[in-house]
């Protein structure tokens, strides 16, 4: 039932665009 995860960065994402969710990333 457990997932062991690491932090990843999607390097194909456009860093000039802001996400449309509440995080505004």
PDBML (XML) file of the C-alpha atoms, coordinates in Angstrom:
<?xml version="1.0" encoding="UTF-8" ?>
<PDBx:datablock datablockName="MODEL"
   xmlns:PDBx="http://pdbml.pdb.org/schema/pdbx-v50.xsd"
   xmlns:xsi="http://www.w3.org/2001/XMLSchema-instance"
   xsi:schemaLocation="http://pdbml.pdb.org/schema/pdbx-v50.xsd pdbx-v50.xsd">
   <PDBx:atom_siteCategory>
      <PDBx:atom_site id="1">
         <PDBx:B_iso_or_equiv>0.00</PDBx:B_iso_or_equiv>
         <PDBx:Cartn_x>0.000</PDBx:Cartn_x>
         <PDBx:Cartn_y>0.000</PDBx:Cartn_y>
         <PDBx:Cartn_z>0.000</PDBx:Cartn_z>
         <PDBx:auth_asym_id>A</PDBx:auth_asym_id>
         <PDBx:auth_atom_id>CA</PDBx:auth_atom_id>
         <PDBx:auth_comp_id>UNK</PDBx:auth_comp_id>
         <PDBx:auth_seq_id>1</PDBx:auth_seq_id>
         <PDBx:group_PDB>ATOM</PDBx:group_PDB>
         <PDBx:label_alt_id xsi:nil="true" />
         <PDBx:label_asym_id>A</PDBx:label_asym_id>
         <PDBx:label_atom_id>CA</PDBx:label_atom_id>
         <PDBx:label_comp_id>UNK</PDBx:label_comp_id>
         <PDBx:label_entity_id>1</PDBx:label_entity_id>
         <PDBx:label_seq_id>1</PDBx:label_seq_id>
         <PDBx:occupancy>1.00</PDBx:occupancy>
         <PDBx:pdbx_PDB_model_num>1</PDBx:pdbx_PDB_model_num>
         <PDBx:type_symbol>C</PDBx:type_symbol>
      </PDBx:atom_site>
      <PDBx:atom_site id="2">
         <PDBx:B_iso_or_equiv>0.00</PDBx:B_iso_or_equiv>
         <PDBx:Cartn_x>3.065</PDBx:Cartn_x>
         <PDBx:Cartn_y>2.240</PDBx:Cartn_y>
         <PDBx:Cartn_z>0.223</PDBx:Cartn_z>
         <PDBx:auth_asym_id>A</PDBx:auth_asym_id>
         <PDBx:auth_atom_id>CA</PDBx:auth_atom_id>
         <PDBx:auth_comp_id>UNK</PDBx:auth_comp_id>
         <PDBx:auth_seq_id>2</PDBx:auth_seq_id>
         <PDBx:group_PDB>ATOM</PDBx:group_PDB>
         <PDBx:label_alt_id xsi:nil="true" />
         <PDBx:label_asym_id>A</PDBx:label_asym_id>
         <PDBx:label_atom_id>CA</PDBx:label_atom_id>
         <PDBx:label_comp_id>UNK</PDBx:label_comp_id>
         <PDBx:label_entity_id>1</PDBx:label_entity_id>
         <PDBx:label_seq_id>2</PDBx:label_seq_id>
         <PDBx:occupancy>1.00</PDBx:occupancy>
         <PDBx:pdbx_PDB_model_num>1</PDBx:pdbx_PDB_model_num>
         <PDBx:type_symbol>C</PDBx:type_symbol>
      </PDBx:atom_site>
      <PDBx:atom_site id="3">
         <PDBx:B_iso_or_equiv>0.00</PDBx:B_iso_or_equiv>
         <PDBx:Cartn_x>4.905</PDBx:Cartn_x>
         <PDBx:Cartn_y>4.163</PDBx:Cartn_y>
         <PDBx:Cartn_z>-2.507</PDBx:Cartn_z>
         <PDBx:auth_asym_id>A</PDBx:auth_asym_id>
         <PDBx:auth_atom_id>CA</PDBx:auth_atom_id>
         <PDBx:auth_comp_id>UNK</PDBx:auth_comp_id>
         <PDBx:auth_seq_id>3</PDBx:auth_seq_id>
         <PDBx:group_PDB>ATOM</PDBx:group_PDB>
         <PDBx:label_alt_id xsi:nil="true" />
         <PDBx:label_asym_id>A</PDBx:label_asym_id>
         <PDBx:label_atom_id>CA</PDBx:label_atom_id>
         <PDBx:label_comp_id>UNK</PDBx:label_comp_id>
         <PDBx:label_entity_id>1</PDBx:label_entity_id>
         <PDBx:label_seq_id>3</PDBx:label_seq_id>
         <PDBx:occupancy>1.00</PDBx:occupancy>
         <PDBx:pdbx_PDB_model_num>1</PDBx:pdbx_PDB_model_num>
         <PDBx:type_symbol>C</PDBx:type_symbol>
      </PDBx:atom_site>
      <PDBx:atom_site id="4">
         <PDBx:B_iso_or_equiv>0.00</PDBx:B_iso_or_equiv>
         <PDBx:Cartn_x>8.515</PDBx:Cartn_x>
         <PDBx:Cartn_y>5.242</PDBx:Cartn_y>
         <PDBx:Cartn_z>-1.918</PDBx:Cartn_z>
         <PDBx:auth_asym_id>A</PDBx:auth_asym_id>
         <PDBx:auth_atom_id>CA</PDBx:auth_atom_id>
         <PDBx:auth_comp_id>UNK</PDBx:auth_comp_id>
         <PDBx:auth_seq_id>4</PDBx:auth_seq_id>
         <PDBx:group_PDB>ATOM</PDBx:group_PDB>
         <PDBx:label_alt_id xsi:nil="true" />
         <PDBx:label_asym_id>A</PDBx:label_asym_id>
         <PDBx:label_atom_id>CA</PDBx:label_atom_id>
         <PDBx:label_comp_id>UNK</PDBx:label_comp_id>
         <PDBx:label_entity_id>1</PDBx:label_entity_id>
         <PDBx:label_seq_id>4</PDBx:label_seq_id>
         <PDBx:occupancy>1.00</PDBx:occupancy>
         <PDBx:pdbx_PDB_model_num>1</PDBx:pdbx_PDB_model_num>
         <PDBx:type_symbol>C</PDBx:type_symbol>
      </PDBx:atom_site>
      <PDBx:atom_site id="5">
         <PDBx:B_iso_or_equiv>0.00</PDBx:B_iso_or_equiv>
         <PDBx:Cartn_x>9.169</PDBx:Cartn_x>
         <PDBx:Cartn_y>8.272</PDBx:Cartn_y>
         <PDBx:Cartn_z>-4.119</PDBx:Cartn_z>
         <PDBx:auth_asym_id>A</PDBx:auth_asym_id>
         <PDBx:auth_atom_id>CA</PDBx:auth_atom_id>
         <PDBx:auth_comp_id>UNK</PDBx:auth_comp_id>
         <PDBx:auth_seq_id>5</PDBx:auth_seq_id>
         <PDBx:group_PDB>ATOM</PDBx:group_PDB>
         <PDBx:label_alt_id xsi:nil="true" />
         <PDBx:label_asym_id>A</PDBx:label_asym_id>
         <PDBx:label_atom_id>CA</PDBx:label_atom_id>
         <PDBx:label_comp_id>UNK</PDBx:label_comp_id>
         <PDBx:label_entity_id>1</PDBx:label_entity_id>
         <PDBx:label_seq_id>5</PDBx:label_seq_id>
         <PDBx:occupancy>1.00</PDBx:occupancy>
         <PDBx:pdbx_PDB_model_num>1</PDBx:pdbx_PDB_model_num>
         <PDBx:type_symbol>C</PDBx:type_symbol>
      </PDBx:atom_site>
      <PDBx:atom_site id="6">
         <PDBx:B_iso_or_equiv>0.00</PDBx:B_iso_or_equiv>
         <PDBx:Cartn_x>11.893</PDBx:Cartn_x>
         <PDBx:Cartn_y>10.731</PDBx:Cartn_y>
         <PDBx:Cartn_z>-5.024</PDBx:Cartn_z>
         <PDBx:auth_asym_id>A</PDBx:auth_asym_id>
         <PDBx:auth_atom_id>CA</PDBx:auth_atom_id>
         <PDBx:auth_comp_id>UNK</PDBx:auth_comp_id>
         <PDBx:auth_seq_id>6</PDBx:auth_seq_id>
         <PDBx:group_PDB>ATOM</PDBx:group_PDB>
         <PDBx:label_alt_id xsi:nil="true" />
         <PDBx:label_asym_id>A</PDBx:label_asym_id>
         <PDBx:label_atom_id>CA</PDBx:label_atom_id>
         <PDBx:label_comp_id>UNK</PDBx:label_comp_id>
         <PDBx:label_entity_id>1</PDBx:label_entity_id>
         <PDBx:label_seq_id>6</PDBx:label_seq_id>
         <PDBx:occupancy>1.00</PDBx:occupancy>
         <PDBx:pdbx_PDB_model_num>1</PDBx:pdbx_PDB_model_num>
         <PDBx:type_symbol>C</PDBx:type_symbol>
      </PDBx:atom_site>
      <PDBx:atom_site id="7">
         <PDBx:B_iso_or_equiv>0.00</PDBx:B_iso_or_equiv>
         <PDBx:Cartn_x>11.618</PDBx:Cartn_x>
         <PDBx:Cartn_y>14.337</PDBx:Cartn_y>
         <PDBx:Cartn_z>-6.156</PDBx:Cartn_z>
         <PDBx:auth_asym_id>A</PDBx:auth_asym_id>
         <PDBx:auth_atom_id>CA</PDBx:auth_atom_id>
         <PDBx:auth_comp_id>UNK</PDBx:auth_comp_id>
         <PDBx:auth_seq_id>7</PDBx:auth_seq_id>
         <PDBx:group_PDB>ATOM</PDBx:group_PDB>
         <PDBx:label_alt_id xsi:nil="true" />
         <PDBx:label_asym_id>A</PDBx:label_asym_id>
         <PDBx:label_atom_id>CA</PDBx:label_atom_id>
         <PDBx:label_comp_id>UNK</PDBx:label_comp_id>
         <PDBx:label_entity_id>1</PDBx:label_entity_id>
         <PDBx:label_seq_id>7</PDBx:label_seq_id>
         <PDBx:occupancy>1.00</PDBx:occupancy>
         <PDBx:pdbx_PDB_model_num>1</PDBx:pdbx_PDB_model_num>
         <PDBx:type_symbol>C</PDBx:type_symbol>
      </PDBx:atom_site>
      <PDBx:atom_site id="8">
         <PDBx:B_iso_or_equiv>0.00</PDBx:B_iso_or_equiv>
         <PDBx:Cartn_x>11.771</PDBx:Cartn_x>
         <PDBx:Cartn_y>14.928</PDBx:Cartn_y>
         <PDBx:Cartn_z>-9.918</PDBx:Cartn_z>
         <PDBx:auth_asym_id>A</PDBx:auth_asym_id>
         <PDBx:auth_atom_id>CA</PDBx:auth_atom_id>
         <PDBx:auth_comp_id>UNK</PDBx:auth_comp_id>
         <PDBx:auth_seq_id>8</PDBx:auth_seq_id>
         <PDBx:group_PDB>ATOM</PDBx:group_PDB>
         <PDBx:label_alt_id xsi:nil="true" />
         <PDBx:label_asym_id>A</PDBx:label_asym_id>
         <PDBx:label_atom_id>CA</PDBx:label_atom_id>
         <PDBx:label_comp_id>UNK</PDBx:label_comp_id>
         <PDBx:label_entity_id>1</PDBx:label_entity_id>
         <PDBx:label_seq_id>8</PDBx:label_seq_id>
         <PDBx:occupancy>1.00</PDBx:occupancy>
         <PDBx:pdbx_PDB_model_num>1</PDBx:pdbx_PDB_model_num>
         <PDBx:type_symbol>C</PDBx:type_symbol>
      </PDBx:atom_site>
      <PDBx:atom_site id="9">
         <PDBx:B_iso_or_equiv>0.00</PDBx:B_iso_or_equiv>
         <PDBx:Cartn_x>11.689</PDBx:Cartn_x>
         <PDBx:Cartn_y>18.023</PDBx:Cartn_y>
         <PDBx:Cartn_z>-12.122</PDBx:Cartn_z>
         <PDBx:auth_asym_id>A</PDBx:auth_asym_id>
         <PDBx:auth_atom_id>CA</PDBx:auth_atom_id>
         <PDBx:auth_comp_id>UNK</PDBx:auth_comp_id>
         <PDBx:auth_seq_id>9</PDBx:auth_seq_id>
         <PDBx:group_PDB>ATOM</PDBx:group_PDB>
         <PDBx:label_alt_id xsi:nil="true" />
         <PDBx:label_asym_id>A</PDBx:label_asym_id>
         <PDBx:label_atom_id>CA</PDBx:label_atom_id>
         <PDBx:label_comp_id>UNK</PDBx:label_comp_id>
         <PDBx:label_entity_id>1</PDBx:label_entity_id>
         <PDBx:label_seq_id>9</PDBx:label_seq_id>
         <PDBx:occupancy>1.00</PDBx:occupancy>
         <PDBx:pdbx_PDB_model_num>1</PDBx:pdbx_PDB_model_num>
         <PDBx:type_symbol>C</PDBx:type_symbol>
      </PDBx:atom_site>
      <PDBx:atom_site id="10">
         <PDBx:B_iso_or_equiv>0.00</PDBx:B_iso_or_equiv>
         <PDBx:Cartn_x>10.004</PDBx:Cartn_x>
         <PDBx:Cartn_y>17.857</PDBx:Cartn_y>
         <PDBx:Cartn_z>-15.533</PDBx:Cartn_z>
         <PDBx:auth_asym_id>A</PDBx:auth_asym_id>
         <PDBx:auth_atom_id>CA</PDBx:auth_atom_id>
         <PDBx:auth_comp_id>UNK</PDBx:auth_comp_id>
         <PDBx:auth_seq_id>10</PDBx:auth_seq_id>
         <PDBx:group_PDB>ATOM</PDBx:group_PDB>
         <PDBx:label_alt_id xsi:nil="true" />
         <PDBx:label_asym_id>A</PDBx:label_asym_id>
         <PDBx:label_atom_id>CA</PDBx:label_atom_id>
         <PDBx:label_comp_id>UNK</PDBx:label_comp_id>
         <PDBx:label_entity_id>1</PDBx:label_entity_id>
         <PDBx:label_seq_id>10</PDBx:label_seq_id>
         <PDBx:occupancy>1.00</PDBx:occupancy>
         <PDBx:pdbx_PDB_model_num>1</PDBx:pdbx_PDB_model_num>
         <PDBx:type_symbol>C</PDBx:type_symbol>
      </PDBx:atom_site>
      <PDBx:atom_site id="11">
         <PDBx:B_iso_or_equiv>0.00</PDBx:B_iso_or_equiv>
         <PDBx:Cartn_x>12.662</PDBx:Cartn_x>
         <PDBx:Cartn_y>19.560</PDBx:Cartn_y>
         <PDBx:Cartn_z>-17.640</PDBx:Cartn_z>
         <PDBx:auth_asym_id>A</PDBx:auth_asym_id>
         <PDBx:auth_atom_id>CA</PDBx:auth_atom_id>
         <PDBx:auth_comp_id>UNK</PDBx:auth_comp_id>
         <PDBx:auth_seq_id>11</PDBx:auth_seq_id>
         <PDBx:group_PDB>ATOM</PDBx:group_PDB>
         <PDBx:label_alt_id xsi:nil="true" />
         <PDBx:label_asym_id>A</PDBx:label_asym_id>
         <PDBx:label_atom_id>CA</PDBx:label_atom_id>
         <PDBx:label_comp_id>UNK</PDBx:label_comp_id>
         <PDBx:label_entity_id>1</PDBx:label_entity_id>
         <PDBx:label_seq_id>11</PDBx:label_seq_id>
         <PDBx:occupancy>1.00</PDBx:occupancy>
         <PDBx:pdbx_PDB_model_num>1</PDBx:pdbx_PDB_model_num>
         <PDBx:type_symbol>C</PDBx:type_symbol>
      </PDBx:atom_site>
      <PDBx:atom_site id="12">
         <PDBx:B_iso_or_equiv>0.00</PDBx:B_iso_or_equiv>
         <PDBx:Cartn_x>10.364</PDBx:Cartn_x>
         <PDBx:Cartn_y>19.696</PDBx:Cartn_y>
         <PDBx:Cartn_z>-20.696</PDBx:Cartn_z>
         <PDBx:auth_asym_id>A</PDBx:auth_asym_id>
         <PDBx:auth_atom_id>CA</PDBx:auth_atom_id>
         <PDBx:auth_comp_id>UNK</PDBx:auth_comp_id>
         <PDBx:auth_seq_id>12</PDBx:auth_seq_id>
         <PDBx:group_PDB>ATOM</PDBx:group_PDB>
         <PDBx:label_alt_id xsi:nil="true" />
         <PDBx:label_asym_id>A</PDBx:label_asym_id>
         <PDBx:label_atom_id>CA</PDBx:label_atom_id>
         <PDBx:label_comp_id>UNK</PDBx:label_comp_id>
         <PDBx:label_entity_id>1</PDBx:label_entity_id>
         <PDBx:label_seq_id>12</PDBx:label_seq_id>
         <PDBx:occupancy>1.00</PDBx:occupancy>
         <PDBx:pdbx_PDB_model_num>1</PDBx:pdbx_PDB_model_num>
         <PDBx:type_symbol>C</PDBx:type_symbol>
      </PDBx:atom_site>
      <PDBx:atom_site id="13">
         <PDBx:B_iso_or_equiv>0.00</PDBx:B_iso_or_equiv>
         <PDBx:Cartn_x>7.918</PDBx:Cartn_x>
         <PDBx:Cartn_y>21.997</PDBx:Cartn_y>
         <PDBx:Cartn_z>-18.929</PDBx:Cartn_z>
         <PDBx:auth_asym_id>A</PDBx:auth_asym_id>
         <PDBx:auth_atom_id>CA</PDBx:auth_atom_id>
         <PDBx:auth_comp_id>UNK</PDBx:auth_comp_id>
         <PDBx:auth_seq_id>13</PDBx:auth_seq_id>
         <PDBx:group_PDB>ATOM</PDBx:group_PDB>
         <PDBx:label_alt_id xsi:nil="true" />
         <PDBx:label_asym_id>A</PDBx:label_asym_id>
         <PDBx:label_atom_id>CA</PDBx:label_atom_id>
         <PDBx:label_comp_id>UNK</PDBx:label_comp_id>
         <PDBx:label_entity_id>1</PDBx:label_entity_id>
         <PDBx:label_seq_id>13</PDBx:label_seq_id>
         <PDBx:occupancy>1.00</PDBx:occupancy>
         <PDBx:pdbx_PDB_model_num>1</PDBx:pdbx_PDB_model_num>
         <PDBx:type_symbol>C</PDBx:type_symbol>
      </PDBx:atom_site>
      <PDBx:atom_site id="14">
         <PDBx:B_iso_or_equiv>0.00</PDBx:B_iso_or_equiv>
         <PDBx:Cartn_x>7.903</PDBx:Cartn_x>
         <PDBx:Cartn_y>25.687</PDBx:Cartn_y>
         <PDBx:Cartn_z>-19.833</PDBx:Cartn_z>
         <PDBx:auth_asym_id>A</PDBx:auth_asym_id>
         <PDBx:auth_atom_id>CA</PDBx:auth_atom_id>
         <PDBx:auth_comp_id>UNK</PDBx:auth_comp_id>
         <PDBx:auth_seq_id>14</PDBx:auth_seq_id>
         <PDBx:group_PDB>ATOM</PDBx:group_PDB>
         <PDBx:label_alt_id xsi:nil="true" />
         <PDBx:label_asym_id>A</PDBx:label_asym_id>
         <PDBx:label_atom_id>CA</PDBx:label_atom_id>
         <PDBx:label_comp_id>UNK</PDBx:label_comp_id>
         <PDBx:label_entity_id>1</PDBx:label_entity_id>
         <PDBx:label_seq_id>14</PDBx:label_seq_id>
         <PDBx:occupancy>1.00</PDBx:occupancy>
         <PDBx:pdbx_PDB_model_num>1</PDBx:pdbx_PDB_model_num>
         <PDBx:type_symbol>C</PDBx:type_symbol>
      </PDBx:atom_site>
      <PDBx:atom_site id="15">
         <PDBx:B_iso_or_equiv>0.00</PDBx:B_iso_or_equiv>
         <PDBx:Cartn_x>9.243</PDBx:Cartn_x>
         <PDBx:Cartn_y>27.645</PDBx:Cartn_y>
         <PDBx:Cartn_z>-16.821</PDBx:Cartn_z>
         <PDBx:auth_asym_id>A</PDBx:auth_asym_id>
         <PDBx:auth_atom_id>CA</PDBx:auth_atom_id>
         <PDBx:auth_comp_id>UNK</PDBx:auth_comp_id>
         <PDBx:auth_seq_id>15</PDBx:auth_seq_id>
         <PDBx:group_PDB>ATOM</PDBx:group_PDB>
         <PDBx:label_alt_id xsi:nil="true" />
         <PDBx:label_asym_id>A</PDBx:label_asym_id>
         <PDBx:label_atom_id>CA</PDBx:label_atom_id>
         <PDBx:label_comp_id>UNK</PDBx:label_comp_id>
         <PDBx:label_entity_id>1</PDBx:label_entity_id>
         <PDBx:label_seq_id>15</PDBx:label_seq_id>
         <PDBx:occupancy>1.00</PDBx:occupancy>
         <PDBx:pdbx_PDB_model_num>1</PDBx:pdbx_PDB_model_num>
         <PDBx:type_symbol>C</PDBx:type_symbol>
      </PDBx:atom_site>
      <PDBx:atom_site id="16">
         <PDBx:B_iso_or_equiv>0.00</PDBx:B_iso_or_equiv>
         <PDBx:Cartn_x>7.637</PDBx:Cartn_x>
         <PDBx:Cartn_y>30.820</PDBx:Cartn_y>
         <PDBx:Cartn_z>-18.162</PDBx:Cartn_z>
         <PDBx:auth_asym_id>A</PDBx:auth_asym_id>
         <PDBx:auth_atom_id>CA</PDBx:auth_atom_id>
         <PDBx:auth_comp_id>UNK</PDBx:auth_comp_id>
         <PDBx:auth_seq_id>16</PDBx:auth_seq_id>
         <PDBx:group_PDB>ATOM</PDBx:group_PDB>
         <PDBx:label_alt_id xsi:nil="true" />
         <PDBx:label_asym_id>A</PDBx:label_asym_id>
         <PDBx:label_atom_id>CA</PDBx:label_atom_id>
         <PDBx:label_comp_id>UNK</PDBx:label_comp_id>
         <PDBx:label_entity_id>1</PDBx:label_entity_id>
         <PDBx:label_seq_id>16</PDBx:label_seq_id>
         <PDBx:occupancy>1.00</PDBx:occupancy>
         <PDBx:pdbx_PDB_model_num>1</PDBx:pdbx_PDB_model_num>
         <PDBx:type_symbol>C</PDBx:type_symbol>
      </PDBx:atom_site>
      <PDBx:atom_site id="17">
         <PDBx:B_iso_or_equiv>0.00</PDBx:B_iso_or_equiv>
         <PDBx:Cartn_x>4.126</PDBx:Cartn_x>
         <PDBx:Cartn_y>29.450</PDBx:Cartn_y>
         <PDBx:Cartn_z>-17.698</PDBx:Cartn_z>
         <PDBx:auth_asym_id>A</PDBx:auth_asym_id>
         <PDBx:auth_atom_id>CA</PDBx:auth_atom_id>
         <PDBx:auth_comp_id>UNK</PDBx:auth_comp_id>
         <PDBx:auth_seq_id>17</PDBx:auth_seq_id>
         <PDBx:group_PDB>ATOM</PDBx:group_PDB>
         <PDBx:label_alt_id xsi:nil="true" />
         <PDBx:label_asym_id>A</PDBx:label_asym_id>
         <PDBx:label_atom_id>CA</PDBx:label_atom_id>
         <PDBx:label_comp_id>UNK</PDBx:label_comp_id>
         <PDBx:label_entity_id>1</PDBx:label_entity_id>
         <PDBx:label_seq_id>17</PDBx:label_seq_id>
         <PDBx:occupancy>1.00</PDBx:occupancy>
         <PDBx:pdbx_PDB_model_num>1</PDBx:pdbx_PDB_model_num>
         <PDBx:type_symbol>C</PDBx:type_symbol>
      </PDBx:atom_site>
      <PDBx:atom_site id="18">
         <PDBx:B_iso_or_equiv>0.00</PDBx:B_iso_or_equiv>
         <PDBx:Cartn_x>2.299</PDBx:Cartn_x>
         <PDBx:Cartn_y>29.400</PDBx:Cartn_y>
         <PDBx:Cartn_z>-14.363</PDBx:Cartn_z>
         <PDBx:auth_asym_id>A</PDBx:auth_asym_id>
         <PDBx:auth_atom_id>CA</PDBx:auth_atom_id>
         <PDBx:auth_comp_id>UNK</PDBx:auth_comp_id>
         <PDBx:auth_seq_id>18</PDBx:auth_seq_id>
         <PDBx:group_PDB>ATOM</PDBx:group_PDB>
         <PDBx:label_alt_id xsi:nil="true" />
         <PDBx:label_asym_id>A</PDBx:label_asym_id>
         <PDBx:label_atom_id>CA</PDBx:label_atom_id>
         <PDBx:label_comp_id>UNK</PDBx:label_comp_id>
         <PDBx:label_entity_id>1</PDBx:label_entity_id>
         <PDBx:label_seq_id>18</PDBx:label_seq_id>
         <PDBx:occupancy>1.00</PDBx:occupancy>
         <PDBx:pdbx_PDB_model_num>1</PDBx:pdbx_PDB_model_num>
         <PDBx:type_symbol>C</PDBx:type_symbol>
      </PDBx:atom_site>
      <PDBx:atom_site id="19">
         <PDBx:B_iso_or_equiv>0.00</PDBx:B_iso_or_equiv>
         <PDBx:Cartn_x>0.250</PDBx:Cartn_x>
         <PDBx:Cartn_y>26.318</PDBx:Cartn_y>
         <PDBx:Cartn_z>-13.487</PDBx:Cartn_z>
         <PDBx:auth_asym_id>A</PDBx:auth_asym_id>
         <PDBx:auth_atom_id>CA</PDBx:auth_atom_id>
         <PDBx:auth_comp_id>UNK</PDBx:auth_comp_id>
         <PDBx:auth_seq_id>19</PDBx:auth_seq_id>
         <PDBx:group_PDB>ATOM</PDBx:group_PDB>
         <PDBx:label_alt_id xsi:nil="true" />
         <PDBx:label_asym_id>A</PDBx:label_asym_id>
         <PDBx:label_atom_id>CA</PDBx:label_atom_id>
         <PDBx:label_comp_id>UNK</PDBx:label_comp_id>
         <PDBx:label_entity_id>1</PDBx:label_entity_id>
         <PDBx:label_seq_id>19</PDBx:label_seq_id>
         <PDBx:occupancy>1.00</PDBx:occupancy>
         <PDBx:pdbx_PDB_model_num>1</PDBx:pdbx_PDB_model_num>
         <PDBx:type_symbol>C</PDBx:type_symbol>
      </PDBx:atom_site>
      <PDBx:atom_site id="20">
         <PDBx:B_iso_or_equiv>0.00</PDBx:B_iso_or_equiv>
         <PDBx:Cartn_x>-3.509</PDBx:Cartn_x>
         <PDBx:Cartn_y>26.834</PDBx:Cartn_y>
         <PDBx:Cartn_z>-13.399</PDBx:Cartn_z>
         <PDBx:auth_asym_id>A</PDBx:auth_asym_id>
         <PDBx:auth_atom_id>CA</PDBx:auth_atom_id>
         <PDBx:auth_comp_id>UNK</PDBx:auth_comp_id>
         <PDBx:auth_seq_id>20</PDBx:auth_seq_id>
         <PDBx:group_PDB>ATOM</PDBx:group_PDB>
         <PDBx:label_alt_id xsi:nil="true" />
         <PDBx:label_asym_id>A</PDBx:label_asym_id>
         <PDBx:label_atom_id>CA</PDBx:label_atom_id>
         <PDBx:label_comp_id>UNK</PDBx:label_comp_id>
         <PDBx:label_entity_id>1</PDBx:label_entity_id>
         <PDBx:label_seq_id>20</PDBx:label_seq_id>
         <PDBx:occupancy>1.00</PDBx:occupancy>
         <PDBx:pdbx_PDB_model_num>1</PDBx:pdbx_PDB_model_num>
         <PDBx:type_symbol>C</PDBx:type_symbol>
      </PDBx:atom_site>
      <PDBx:atom_site id="21">
         <PDBx:B_iso_or_equiv>0.00</PDBx:B_iso_or_equiv>
         <PDBx:Cartn_x>-3.965</PDBx:Cartn_x>
         <PDBx:Cartn_y>25.042</PDBx:Cartn_y>
         <PDBx:Cartn_z>-10.070</PDBx:Cartn_z>
         <PDBx:auth_asym_id>A</PDBx:auth_asym_id>
         <PDBx:auth_atom_id>CA</PDBx:auth_atom_id>
         <PDBx:auth_comp_id>UNK</PDBx:auth_comp_id>
         <PDBx:auth_seq_id>21</PDBx:auth_seq_id>
         <PDBx:group_PDB>ATOM</PDBx:group_PDB>
         <PDBx:label_alt_id xsi:nil="true" />
         <PDBx:label_asym_id>A</PDBx:label_asym_id>
         <PDBx:label_atom_id>CA</PDBx:label_atom_id>
         <PDBx:label_comp_id>UNK</PDBx:label_comp_id>
         <PDBx:label_entity_id>1</PDBx:label_entity_id>
         <PDBx:label_seq_id>21</PDBx:label_seq_id>
         <PDBx:occupancy>1.00</PDBx:occupancy>
         <PDBx:pdbx_PDB_model_num>1</PDBx:pdbx_PDB_model_num>
         <PDBx:type_symbol>C</PDBx:type_symbol>
      </PDBx:atom_site>
      <PDBx:atom_site id="22">
         <PDBx:B_iso_or_equiv>0.00</PDBx:B_iso_or_equiv>
         <PDBx:Cartn_x>-3.859</PDBx:Cartn_x>
         <PDBx:Cartn_y>26.527</PDBx:Cartn_y>
         <PDBx:Cartn_z>-6.571</PDBx:Cartn_z>
         <PDBx:auth_asym_id>A</PDBx:auth_asym_id>
         <PDBx:auth_atom_id>CA</PDBx:auth_atom_id>
         <PDBx:auth_comp_id>UNK</PDBx:auth_comp_id>
         <PDBx:auth_seq_id>22</PDBx:auth_seq_id>
         <PDBx:group_PDB>ATOM</PDBx:group_PDB>
         <PDBx:label_alt_id xsi:nil="true" />
         <PDBx:label_asym_id>A</PDBx:label_asym_id>
         <PDBx:label_atom_id>CA</PDBx:label_atom_id>
         <PDBx:label_comp_id>UNK</PDBx:label_comp_id>
         <PDBx:label_entity_id>1</PDBx:label_entity_id>
         <PDBx:label_seq_id>22</PDBx:label_seq_id>
         <PDBx:occupancy>1.00</PDBx:occupancy>
         <PDBx:pdbx_PDB_model_num>1</PDBx:pdbx_PDB_model_num>
         <PDBx:type_symbol>C</PDBx:type_symbol>
      </PDBx:atom_site>
      <PDBx:atom_site id="23">
         <PDBx:B_iso_or_equiv>0.00</PDBx:B_iso_or_equiv>
         <PDBx:Cartn_x>-0.080</PDBx:Cartn_x>
         <PDBx:Cartn_y>26.074</PDBx:Cartn_y>
         <PDBx:Cartn_z>-6.318</PDBx:Cartn_z>
         <PDBx:auth_asym_id>A</PDBx:auth_asym_id>
         <PDBx:auth_atom_id>CA</PDBx:auth_atom_id>
         <PDBx:auth_comp_id>UNK</PDBx:auth_comp_id>
         <PDBx:auth_seq_id>23</PDBx:auth_seq_id>
         <PDBx:group_PDB>ATOM</PDBx:group_PDB>
         <PDBx:label_alt_id xsi:nil="true" />
         <PDBx:label_asym_id>A</PDBx:label_asym_id>
         <PDBx:label_atom_id>CA</PDBx:label_atom_id>
         <PDBx:label_comp_id>UNK</PDBx:label_comp_id>
         <PDBx:label_entity_id>1</PDBx:label_entity_id>
         <PDBx:label_seq_id>23</PDBx:label_seq_id>
         <PDBx:occupancy>1.00</PDBx:occupancy>
         <PDBx:pdbx_PDB_model_num>1</PDBx:pdbx_PDB_model_num>
         <PDBx:type_symbol>C</PDBx:type_symbol>
      </PDBx:atom_site>
      <PDBx:atom_site id="24">
         <PDBx:B_iso_or_equiv>0.00</PDBx:B_iso_or_equiv>
         <PDBx:Cartn_x>0.654</PDBx:Cartn_x>
         <PDBx:Cartn_y>28.534</PDBx:Cartn_y>
         <PDBx:Cartn_z>-9.170</PDBx:Cartn_z>
         <PDBx:auth_asym_id>A</PDBx:auth_asym_id>
         <PDBx:auth_atom_id>CA</PDBx:auth_atom_id>
         <PDBx:auth_comp_id>UNK</PDBx:auth_comp_id>
         <PDBx:auth_seq_id>24</PDBx:auth_seq_id>
         <PDBx:group_PDB>ATOM</PDBx:group_PDB>
         <PDBx:label_alt_id xsi:nil="true" />
         <PDBx:label_asym_id>A</PDBx:label_asym_id>
         <PDBx:label_atom_id>CA</PDBx:label_atom_id>
         <PDBx:label_comp_id>UNK</PDBx:label_comp_id>
         <PDBx:label_entity_id>1</PDBx:label_entity_id>
         <PDBx:label_seq_id>24</PDBx:label_seq_id>
         <PDBx:occupancy>1.00</PDBx:occupancy>
         <PDBx:pdbx_PDB_model_num>1</PDBx:pdbx_PDB_model_num>
         <PDBx:type_symbol>C</PDBx:type_symbol>
      </PDBx:atom_site>
      <PDBx:atom_site id="25">
         <PDBx:B_iso_or_equiv>0.00</PDBx:B_iso_or_equiv>
         <PDBx:Cartn_x>3.940</PDBx:Cartn_x>
         <PDBx:Cartn_y>26.795</PDBx:Cartn_y>
         <PDBx:Cartn_z>-9.958</PDBx:Cartn_z>
         <PDBx:auth_asym_id>A</PDBx:auth_asym_id>
         <PDBx:auth_atom_id>CA</PDBx:auth_atom_id>
         <PDBx:auth_comp_id>UNK</PDBx:auth_comp_id>
         <PDBx:auth_seq_id>25</PDBx:auth_seq_id>
         <PDBx:group_PDB>ATOM</PDBx:group_PDB>
         <PDBx:label_alt_id xsi:nil="true" />
         <PDBx:label_asym_id>A</PDBx:label_asym_id>
         <PDBx:label_atom_id>CA</PDBx:label_atom_id>
         <PDBx:label_comp_id>UNK</PDBx:label_comp_id>
         <PDBx:label_entity_id>1</PDBx:label_entity_id>
         <PDBx:label_seq_id>25</PDBx:label_seq_id>
         <PDBx:occupancy>1.00</PDBx:occupancy>
         <PDBx:pdbx_PDB_model_num>1</PDBx:pdbx_PDB_model_num>
         <PDBx:type_symbol>C</PDBx:type_symbol>
      </PDBx:atom_site>
   </PDBx:atom_siteCategory>
</PDBx:datablock>
